[in-house]
Protein backbone atom coordinates (compact mmCIF):
# COMPACT_ATOMS: atom_id res chain seq x y z
CA MET A 1 -57.94 19.77 -31.76
CA LYS A 2 -56.43 23.39 -31.18
CA MET A 3 -55.07 22.31 -27.66
CA LEU A 4 -53.48 19.23 -28.98
CA LYS A 5 -51.94 21.33 -31.64
CA LYS A 6 -50.65 23.37 -29.43
CA SER A 7 -49.11 20.98 -26.83
CA LEU A 8 -47.24 18.88 -29.95
CA ILE A 9 -45.55 22.44 -30.83
CA ALA A 10 -44.84 22.94 -26.51
CA ILE A 11 -43.36 19.81 -26.82
CA ALA A 12 -41.35 20.98 -29.67
CA VAL A 13 -39.81 23.94 -28.83
CA LEU A 14 -39.03 22.11 -25.29
CA ALA A 15 -37.27 18.72 -27.07
CA VAL A 16 -34.84 21.69 -28.90
CA ALA A 17 -34.18 23.56 -26.01
CA MET A 18 -33.28 21.06 -23.78
CA PRO A 19 -30.20 19.87 -24.91
CA VAL A 20 -28.59 23.08 -24.00
CA PHE A 21 -29.35 22.08 -19.91
CA ALA A 22 -26.53 18.99 -20.67
CA GLY A 23 -23.92 21.67 -20.94
CA GLN A 24 -22.38 25.20 -21.08
CA LEU A 25 -23.15 26.72 -24.33
CA LYS A 26 -21.38 30.08 -26.09
CA ILE A 27 -21.08 31.16 -28.54
CA HIS A 28 -18.29 33.80 -30.03
CA ASP A 29 -19.68 36.04 -32.98
CA PRO A 30 -17.83 36.99 -33.49
CA TRP A 31 -15.01 35.49 -33.93
CA PRO A 32 -11.93 37.91 -33.04
CA THR A 33 -9.49 39.01 -36.19
CA ALA A 34 -7.55 35.46 -35.49
CA PRO A 35 -8.40 32.04 -34.92
CA VAL A 36 -6.96 31.62 -31.78
CA PRO A 37 -8.35 29.21 -29.24
CA GLN A 38 -10.87 29.88 -26.76
CA GLU A 39 -11.67 28.36 -23.75
CA ILE A 40 -15.09 26.55 -23.60
CA CYS A 41 -14.68 25.17 -20.21
CA LYS A 42 -12.61 23.25 -17.17
CA ILE A 43 -13.99 19.42 -16.86
CA ASP A 44 -11.87 18.11 -13.13
CA VAL A 45 -9.67 14.95 -13.71
CA VAL A 46 -10.22 12.79 -10.25
CA LEU A 47 -8.36 9.56 -9.25
CA ASN A 48 -8.86 7.10 -6.48
CA VAL A 49 -5.59 6.76 -4.31
CA GLY A 50 -5.13 2.97 -3.25
CA TYR A 51 -3.74 1.78 -0.16
CA TRP A 52 -0.06 1.73 -0.13
CA ILE A 53 3.20 0.44 2.71
CA GLN A 54 6.46 -0.13 1.77
CA ILE A 55 8.79 -1.98 3.83
CA VAL A 56 12.54 -0.22 2.90
CA ASP A 57 15.34 -2.70 4.13
CA GLN A 58 13.70 -6.04 3.34
CA THR A 59 17.34 -7.55 3.83
CA PRO A 60 18.07 -10.48 6.13
CA ILE A 61 18.27 -10.66 9.58
CA LYS A 62 21.17 -11.75 10.86
CA VAL A 63 20.86 -14.18 13.60
CA VAL A 64 23.49 -15.36 16.15
CA GLN A 65 23.31 -17.48 19.05
CA ASP A 66 21.18 -16.41 22.33
CA THR A 67 23.83 -16.78 24.87
CA ALA A 68 21.95 -15.09 27.36
CA ALA A 69 19.67 -18.31 26.31
CA THR A 70 19.22 -21.62 28.92
CA ASN A 71 20.76 -23.78 25.30
CA PRO A 72 22.79 -21.25 23.55
CA PHE A 73 23.67 -23.54 20.76
CA GLN A 74 19.91 -24.69 19.93
CA THR A 75 19.00 -21.34 20.74
CA TYR A 76 19.22 -18.21 17.44
CA LYS A 77 17.66 -14.35 18.08
CA GLY A 78 18.23 -11.23 16.02
CA CYS A 79 17.03 -8.10 14.88
CA LYS A 80 17.05 -5.01 12.11
CA THR A 81 16.69 -2.11 12.01
CA THR A 82 13.72 -0.25 8.91
CA ASP A 83 11.77 2.21 7.91
CA VAL A 84 8.50 2.36 6.90
CA LYS A 85 6.52 4.17 4.60
CA THR A 86 2.96 4.57 4.29
CA ASN A 87 -0.27 6.87 3.47
CA PHE A 88 -2.74 5.40 6.19
CA ALA A 89 -3.54 4.79 9.66
CA CYS A 90 -2.47 0.70 10.25
CA THR A 91 -1.07 -1.83 12.12
CA LEU A 92 1.81 -4.34 11.57
CA SER A 93 2.16 -7.92 13.16
CA VAL A 94 4.69 -10.52 12.35
CA SER A 95 5.08 -14.27 12.33
CA ALA A 96 7.61 -16.34 11.60
CA VAL A 97 8.34 -19.82 10.31
CA ALA A 98 11.47 -22.16 10.03
CA VAL A 99 12.44 -22.87 6.92
CA GLY A 100 15.82 -25.27 5.06
CA ASN A 101 16.97 -28.20 7.61
CA ALA A 102 17.88 -26.66 10.95
CA GLY A 103 14.16 -26.23 11.93
CA GLY A 104 13.24 -25.32 15.11
CA THR A 105 10.22 -22.82 16.30
CA TRP A 106 10.44 -19.95 15.20
CA SER A 107 8.52 -16.62 16.69
CA ALA A 108 9.08 -12.72 15.69
CA THR A 109 8.89 -9.68 16.61
CA VAL A 110 7.87 -5.87 15.78
CA ALA A 111 7.87 -2.62 17.40
CA PRO A 112 6.69 0.16 17.02
CA SER A 113 3.31 -1.72 15.73
CA ALA A 114 1.17 1.29 15.25
CA MET A 115 2.38 3.55 11.88
CA ILE A 116 0.65 6.54 11.58
CA ALA A 117 -0.16 7.64 8.04
CA GLY A 118 2.96 10.23 6.12
CA THR A 119 5.73 9.45 8.59
CA ASN A 120 8.70 7.33 8.10
CA ALA A 121 8.93 5.99 10.75
CA GLY A 122 12.23 3.52 11.55
CA VAL A 123 10.44 -0.19 12.97
CA SER A 124 12.36 -2.94 15.06
CA ILE A 125 11.71 -6.06 13.76
CA CYS A 126 13.09 -9.09 15.50
CA ALA A 127 13.29 -13.19 14.98
CA ASN A 128 14.42 -15.42 17.90
CA GLY A 129 14.63 -19.75 17.36
CA SER A 130 14.39 -22.19 19.40
CA ASN A 131 14.97 -26.10 19.33
CA VAL A 132 17.69 -24.97 16.07
CA ASP A 133 20.04 -28.20 14.83
CA ILE A 134 22.65 -26.47 13.43
CA GLY A 135 24.54 -29.96 13.13
CA LYS A 136 22.06 -30.47 10.02
CA LEU A 137 23.90 -28.10 8.78
CA THR A 138 26.89 -27.85 6.71
CA GLY A 139 29.94 -26.02 8.30
CA GLY A 140 31.85 -22.94 7.05
CA ALA A 141 28.08 -22.05 4.33
CA LYS A 142 27.50 -18.31 4.73
CA ASN A 143 24.04 -17.04 5.06
CA VAL A 144 21.82 -19.87 5.51
CA LYS A 145 18.57 -19.18 5.20
CA VAL A 146 17.03 -20.84 8.47
CA ALA A 147 13.73 -18.61 8.78
CA GLU A 148 11.55 -16.73 7.57
CA VAL A 149 9.31 -14.04 8.49
CA THR A 150 5.97 -12.35 7.56
CA VAL A 151 5.54 -8.82 7.46
CA LYS A 152 1.98 -7.94 7.71
CA VAL A 153 -0.62 -5.03 7.97
CA VAL A 154 -3.85 -4.40 8.39
CA PRO A 155 -5.79 -0.35 8.34
CA VAL A 156 -6.87 1.23 11.60
């Protein structure tokens, strides 16, 4: 019975003392003469950094007739250079599809396709169209959208 009593007292003492292990306990006795804030602890602030990428210039790619092609009346090409900013190493890829009445078969290229984290890289994006029927477009129209380039990214 005495052993049980001693065990219960020991458990009660531990139950009172255990919360002290959970954090810092600081006693300021006596408190300074003026009510001055006293530092107790410092707590870190953390965040999870997500992936981000920015294609700086997203204005349209202007295409013109490809005079070197076997059928320049239906073959168009054009390129633009833009900066790409990113916080992770990645690879870019591009594709193109016809939109609007002119139709055609469109393709796209990007060079260089490999991006390095933290760089501000100049990238060339080109669009090429064949079998484009400009006869289906209104003469004299400006900035007619004939294709759309999609830029994709994958981390390496």
